[in-house]
């Protein structure tokens, strides 16, 4: 990933990101050694404005998966940015990315598992409403009863 884009994503500098993309649209697809895109980085830091502008330029960033099997939605959630996660969920739903939202990270957990483990009940219910199949996915241990008990 271009270092200037990494800095922009970390600080939420959407103006710099758009300037870089204007000169080279492919710059947005660059990744860190861990496979994080600029959307992953901005999601980790809770920069919703940056995320909005990045997605307007390249929607494929939404379904990008890093080396840990995490999407930007999942990184927003696990970083505690539930309002950003809810915002990204709306993008997922609008773009009909149901297959991508069902992805599990390297530990076998999907976005719903993480929402419940983090105590984000409202977000968990939003996830189920947007993609009911999430509640039917088991974790790596073949267990889904934790999901049922928590909701």
C-alpha atoms as a PDB file:
ATOM      1  CA  UNK A   1       0.000   0.000   0.000  1.00  0.00           C
ATOM      2  CA  UNK A   2       1.178   3.486  -0.816  1.00  0.00           C
ATOM      3  CA  UNK A   3       2.424   5.081   2.410  1.00  0.00           C
ATOM      4  CA  UNK A   4       0.486   8.275   1.717  1.00  0.00           C
ATOM      5  CA  UNK A   5      -2.737   6.277   1.433  1.00  0.00           C
ATOM      6  CA  UNK A   6      -1.950   4.438   4.660  1.00  0.00           C
ATOM      7  CA  UNK A   7      -1.457   7.781   6.429  1.00  0.00           C
ATOM      8  CA  UNK A   8      -4.685   9.144   4.945  1.00  0.00           C
ATOM      9  CA  UNK A   9      -6.686   6.088   6.021  1.00  0.00           C
ATOM     10  CA  UNK A  10      -5.185   6.153   9.509  1.00  0.00           C
ATOM     11  CA  UNK A  11      -5.996   9.826  10.038  1.00  0.00           C
ATOM     12  CA  UNK A  12      -9.262   9.870   8.074  1.00  0.00           C
ATOM     13  CA  UNK A  13      -7.907  12.292   5.461  1.00  0.00           C
ATOM     14  CA  UNK A  14     -10.391  11.679   2.655  1.00  0.00           C
ATOM     15  CA  UNK A  15      -9.124  14.666   0.647  1.00  0.00           C
ATOM     16  CA  UNK A  16      -5.654  13.129   0.322  1.00  0.00           C
ATOM     17  CA  UNK A  17      -7.152   9.730  -0.504  1.00  0.00           C
ATOM     18  CA  UNK A  18      -9.292  11.211  -3.293  1.00  0.00           C
ATOM     19  CA  UNK A  19      -6.290  13.113  -4.647  1.00  0.00           C
ATOM     20  CA  UNK A  20      -4.230   9.908  -4.787  1.00  0.00           C
ATOM     21  CA  UNK A  21      -7.099   8.006  -6.442  1.00  0.00           C
ATOM     22  CA  UNK A  22      -7.574  10.768  -9.012  1.00  0.00           C
ATOM     23  CA  UNK A  23      -4.031  10.187 -10.266  1.00  0.00           C
ATOM     24  CA  UNK A  24      -4.138   6.394  -9.914  1.00  0.00           C
ATOM     25  CA  UNK A  25      -7.498   4.709  -9.149  1.00  0.00           C
ATOM     26  CA  UNK A  26      -5.741   1.381  -8.530  1.00  0.00           C
ATOM     27  CA  UNK A  27      -3.973   2.877  -5.498  1.00  0.00           C
ATOM     28  CA  UNK A  28      -7.133   2.179  -3.464  1.00  0.00           C
ATOM     29  CA  UNK A  29      -6.658  -1.557  -3.959  1.00  0.00           C
ATOM     30  CA  UNK A  30      -3.225  -1.602  -2.357  1.00  0.00           C
ATOM     31  CA  UNK A  31      -2.822  -3.613   0.827  1.00  0.00           C
ATOM     32  CA  UNK A  32      -0.568  -3.706   3.852  1.00  0.00           C
ATOM     33  CA  UNK A  33       1.532  -6.829   4.474  1.00  0.00           C
ATOM     34  CA  UNK A  34      -1.418  -8.077   6.588  1.00  0.00           C
ATOM     35  CA  UNK A  35      -3.753  -7.678   3.614  1.00  0.00           C
ATOM     36  CA  UNK A  36      -5.573  -4.617   4.927  1.00  0.00           C
ATOM     37  CA  UNK A  37      -6.964  -2.155   2.401  1.00  0.00           C
ATOM     38  CA  UNK A  38      -7.460   1.533   3.084  1.00  0.00           C
ATOM     39  CA  UNK A  39     -11.064   0.675   4.023  1.00  0.00           C
ATOM     40  CA  UNK A  40      -9.878  -1.825   6.651  1.00  0.00           C
ATOM     41  CA  UNK A  41      -7.538   0.805   8.115  1.00  0.00           C
ATOM     42  CA  UNK A  42     -10.162   3.567   8.142  1.00  0.00           C
ATOM     43  CA  UNK A  43     -12.700   1.152   9.656  1.00  0.00           C
ATOM     44  CA  UNK A  44     -10.280   0.246  12.431  1.00  0.00           C
ATOM     45  CA  UNK A  45     -10.008   3.933  13.302  1.00  0.00           C
ATOM     46  CA  UNK A  46     -13.722   4.714  12.893  1.00  0.00           C
ATOM     47  CA  UNK A  47     -13.394   7.187  10.005  1.00  0.00           C
ATOM     48  CA  UNK A  48     -16.865   7.032   8.458  1.00  0.00           C
ATOM     49  CA  UNK A  49     -16.326   9.996   6.120  1.00  0.00           C
ATOM     50  CA  UNK A  50     -13.219   8.370   4.673  1.00  0.00           C
ATOM     51  CA  UNK A  51     -15.108   5.089   4.277  1.00  0.00           C
ATOM     52  CA  UNK A  52     -17.973   6.829   2.471  1.00  0.00           C
ATOM     53  CA  UNK A  53     -15.632   8.519   0.018  1.00  0.00           C
ATOM     54  CA  UNK A  54     -13.521   5.399  -0.553  1.00  0.00           C
ATOM     55  CA  UNK A  55     -16.621   3.302  -1.272  1.00  0.00           C
ATOM     56  CA  UNK A  56     -17.921   5.937  -3.672  1.00  0.00           C
ATOM     57  CA  UNK A  57     -14.686   5.473  -5.632  1.00  0.00           C
ATOM     58  CA  UNK A  58     -14.405   1.688  -5.376  1.00  0.00           C
ATOM     59  CA  UNK A  59     -17.181  -0.475  -3.950  1.00  0.00           C
ATOM     60  CA  UNK A  60     -15.107  -3.643  -4.200  1.00  0.00           C
ATOM     61  CA  UNK A  61     -13.221  -2.489  -1.091  1.00  0.00           C
ATOM     62  CA  UNK A  62     -16.256  -3.473   0.968  1.00  0.00           C
ATOM     63  CA  UNK A  63     -15.810  -7.190   0.340  1.00  0.00           C
ATOM     64  CA  UNK A  64     -12.006  -7.240   0.584  1.00  0.00           C
ATOM     65  CA  UNK A  65     -10.698  -9.816   3.050  1.00  0.00           C
ATOM     66  CA  UNK A  66      -7.406  -9.407   4.905  1.00  0.00           C
ATOM     67  CA  UNK A  67      -4.955 -12.130   5.975  1.00  0.00           C
ATOM     68  CA  UNK A  68      -7.055 -12.826   9.084  1.00  0.00           C
ATOM     69  CA  UNK A  69     -10.183 -13.348   6.990  1.00  0.00           C
ATOM     70  CA  UNK A  70     -11.687 -10.039   8.115  1.00  0.00           C
ATOM     71  CA  UNK A  71     -13.752  -7.651   6.031  1.00  0.00           C
ATOM     72  CA  UNK A  72     -13.818  -3.906   6.768  1.00  0.00           C
ATOM     73  CA  UNK A  73     -17.228  -4.447   8.413  1.00  0.00           C
ATOM     74  CA  UNK A  74     -15.687  -6.931  10.796  1.00  0.00           C
ATOM     75  CA  UNK A  75     -12.709  -4.694  11.566  1.00  0.00           C
ATOM     76  CA  UNK A  76     -15.050  -1.801  12.379  1.00  0.00           C
ATOM     77  CA  UNK A  77     -17.023  -4.034  14.713  1.00  0.00           C
ATOM     78  CA  UNK A  78     -14.055  -5.594  16.490  1.00  0.00           C
ATOM     79  CA  UNK A  79     -12.526  -2.131  16.931  1.00  0.00           C
ATOM     80  CA  UNK A  80     -15.651  -0.967  18.750  1.00  0.00           C
ATOM     81  CA  UNK A  81     -17.013   1.300  16.015  1.00  0.00           C
ATOM     82  CA  UNK A  82     -20.563  -0.042  15.983  1.00  0.00           C
ATOM     83  CA  UNK A  83     -22.125   2.967  14.253  1.00  0.00           C
ATOM     84  CA  UNK A  84     -19.592   2.593  11.429  1.00  0.00           C
ATOM     85  CA  UNK A  85     -20.273  -1.150  11.328  1.00  0.00           C
ATOM     86  CA  UNK A  86     -23.993  -0.402  11.015  1.00  0.00           C
ATOM     87  CA  UNK A  87     -23.237   2.089   8.234  1.00  0.00           C
ATOM     88  CA  UNK A  88     -21.108  -0.470   6.360  1.00  0.00           C
ATOM     89  CA  UNK A  89     -23.824  -3.078   6.852  1.00  0.00           C
ATOM     90  CA  UNK A  90     -26.231  -0.838   4.952  1.00  0.00           C
ATOM     91  CA  UNK A  91     -23.746  -0.750   2.058  1.00  0.00           C
ATOM     92  CA  UNK A  92     -23.482  -4.557   2.158  1.00  0.00           C
ATOM     93  CA  UNK A  93     -27.255  -4.855   2.061  1.00  0.00           C
ATOM     94  CA  UNK A  94     -27.692  -2.265  -0.717  1.00  0.00           C
ATOM     95  CA  UNK A  95     -25.035  -3.966  -2.853  1.00  0.00           C
ATOM     96  CA  UNK A  96     -26.517  -7.411  -2.128  1.00  0.00           C
ATOM     97  CA  UNK A  97     -23.251  -8.877  -0.886  1.00  0.00           C
ATOM     98  CA  UNK A  98     -24.864 -11.650   1.135  1.00  0.00           C
ATOM     99  CA  UNK A  99     -22.242 -14.237   0.203  1.00  0.00           C
ATOM    100  CA  UNK A 100     -19.431 -11.985   1.368  1.00  0.00           C
ATOM    101  CA  UNK A 101     -21.139 -11.084   4.649  1.00  0.00           C
ATOM    102  CA  UNK A 102     -21.303 -14.764   5.576  1.00  0.00           C
ATOM    103  CA  UNK A 103     -17.505 -15.074   5.481  1.00  0.00           C
ATOM    104  CA  UNK A 104     -15.813 -16.295   8.618  1.00  0.00           C
ATOM    105  CA  UNK A 105     -12.507 -15.024   9.923  1.00  0.00           C
ATOM    106  CA  UNK A 106      -9.529 -17.323  10.485  1.00  0.00           C
ATOM    107  CA  UNK A 107     -10.995 -18.374  13.846  1.00  0.00           C
ATOM    108  CA  UNK A 108     -14.274 -19.387  12.202  1.00  0.00           C
ATOM    109  CA  UNK A 109     -16.367 -16.475  13.457  1.00  0.00           C
ATOM    110  CA  UNK A 110     -18.607 -14.283  11.324  1.00  0.00           C
ATOM    111  CA  UNK A 111     -19.785 -10.738  11.967  1.00  0.00           C
ATOM    112  CA  UNK A 112     -22.733 -11.927  14.044  1.00  0.00           C
ATOM    113  CA  UNK A 113     -20.493 -14.000  16.320  1.00  0.00           C
ATOM    114  CA  UNK A 114     -18.311 -10.935  16.924  1.00  0.00           C
ATOM    115  CA  UNK A 115     -21.278  -8.626  17.534  1.00  0.00           C
ATOM    116  CA  UNK A 116     -22.644 -10.985  20.173  1.00  0.00           C
ATOM    117  CA  UNK A 117     -19.268 -11.631  21.806  1.00  0.00           C
ATOM    118  CA  UNK A 118     -18.738  -7.877  22.069  1.00  0.00           C
ATOM    119  CA  UNK A 119     -22.175  -7.316  23.599  1.00  0.00           C
ATOM    120  CA  UNK A 120     -23.557  -5.356  20.645  1.00  0.00           C
ATOM    121  CA  UNK A 121     -27.098  -6.742  20.721  1.00  0.00           C
ATOM    122  CA  UNK A 122     -28.645  -4.010  18.533  1.00  0.00           C
ATOM    123  CA  UNK A 123     -26.025  -4.529  15.860  1.00  0.00           C
ATOM    124  CA  UNK A 124     -26.495  -8.300  16.112  1.00  0.00           C
ATOM    125  CA  UNK A 125     -30.207  -7.852  15.460  1.00  0.00           C
ATOM    126  CA  UNK A 126     -29.447  -5.531  12.515  1.00  0.00           C
ATOM    127  CA  UNK A 127     -27.132  -8.187  11.090  1.00  0.00           C
ATOM    128  CA  UNK A 128     -29.790 -10.891  11.373  1.00  0.00           C
ATOM    129  CA  UNK A 129     -32.408  -8.623   9.790  1.00  0.00           C
ATOM    130  CA  UNK A 130     -30.056  -7.835   6.896  1.00  0.00           C
ATOM    131  CA  UNK A 131     -28.857 -11.417   6.429  1.00  0.00           C
ATOM    132  CA  UNK A 132     -30.871 -14.078   8.301  1.00  0.00           C
ATOM    133  CA  UNK A 133     -28.445 -16.806   7.188  1.00  0.00           C
ATOM    134  CA  UNK A 134     -25.829 -15.345   9.569  1.00  0.00           C
ATOM    135  CA  UNK A 135     -27.706 -16.839  12.515  1.00  0.00           C
ATOM    136  CA  UNK A 136     -27.490 -20.312  11.000  1.00  0.00           C
ATOM    137  CA  UNK A 137     -23.705 -20.363  10.576  1.00  0.00           C
ATOM    138  CA  UNK A 138     -21.795 -22.403  13.119  1.00  0.00           C
ATOM    139  CA  UNK A 139     -18.381 -21.518  14.478  1.00  0.00           C
ATOM    140  CA  UNK A 140     -15.268 -23.667  14.028  1.00  0.00           C
ATOM    141  CA  UNK A 141     -16.448 -25.874  16.875  1.00  0.00           C
ATOM    142  CA  UNK A 142     -19.737 -26.583  15.089  1.00  0.00           C
ATOM    143  CA  UNK A 143     -21.674 -24.670  17.709  1.00  0.00           C
ATOM    144  CA  UNK A 144     -24.393 -22.130  17.142  1.00  0.00           C
ATOM    145  CA  UNK A 145     -26.162 -22.474  20.471  1.00  0.00           C
ATOM    146  CA  UNK A 146     -24.220 -19.518  21.897  1.00  0.00           C
ATOM    147  CA  UNK A 147     -25.885 -17.340  19.273  1.00  0.00           C
ATOM    148  CA  UNK A 148     -29.332 -18.544  20.264  1.00  0.00           C
ATOM    149  CA  UNK A 149     -28.728 -18.032  23.996  1.00  0.00           C
ATOM    150  CA  UNK A 150     -27.394 -14.518  23.605  1.00  0.00           C
ATOM    151  CA  UNK A 151     -30.301 -13.173  21.619  1.00  0.00           C
END
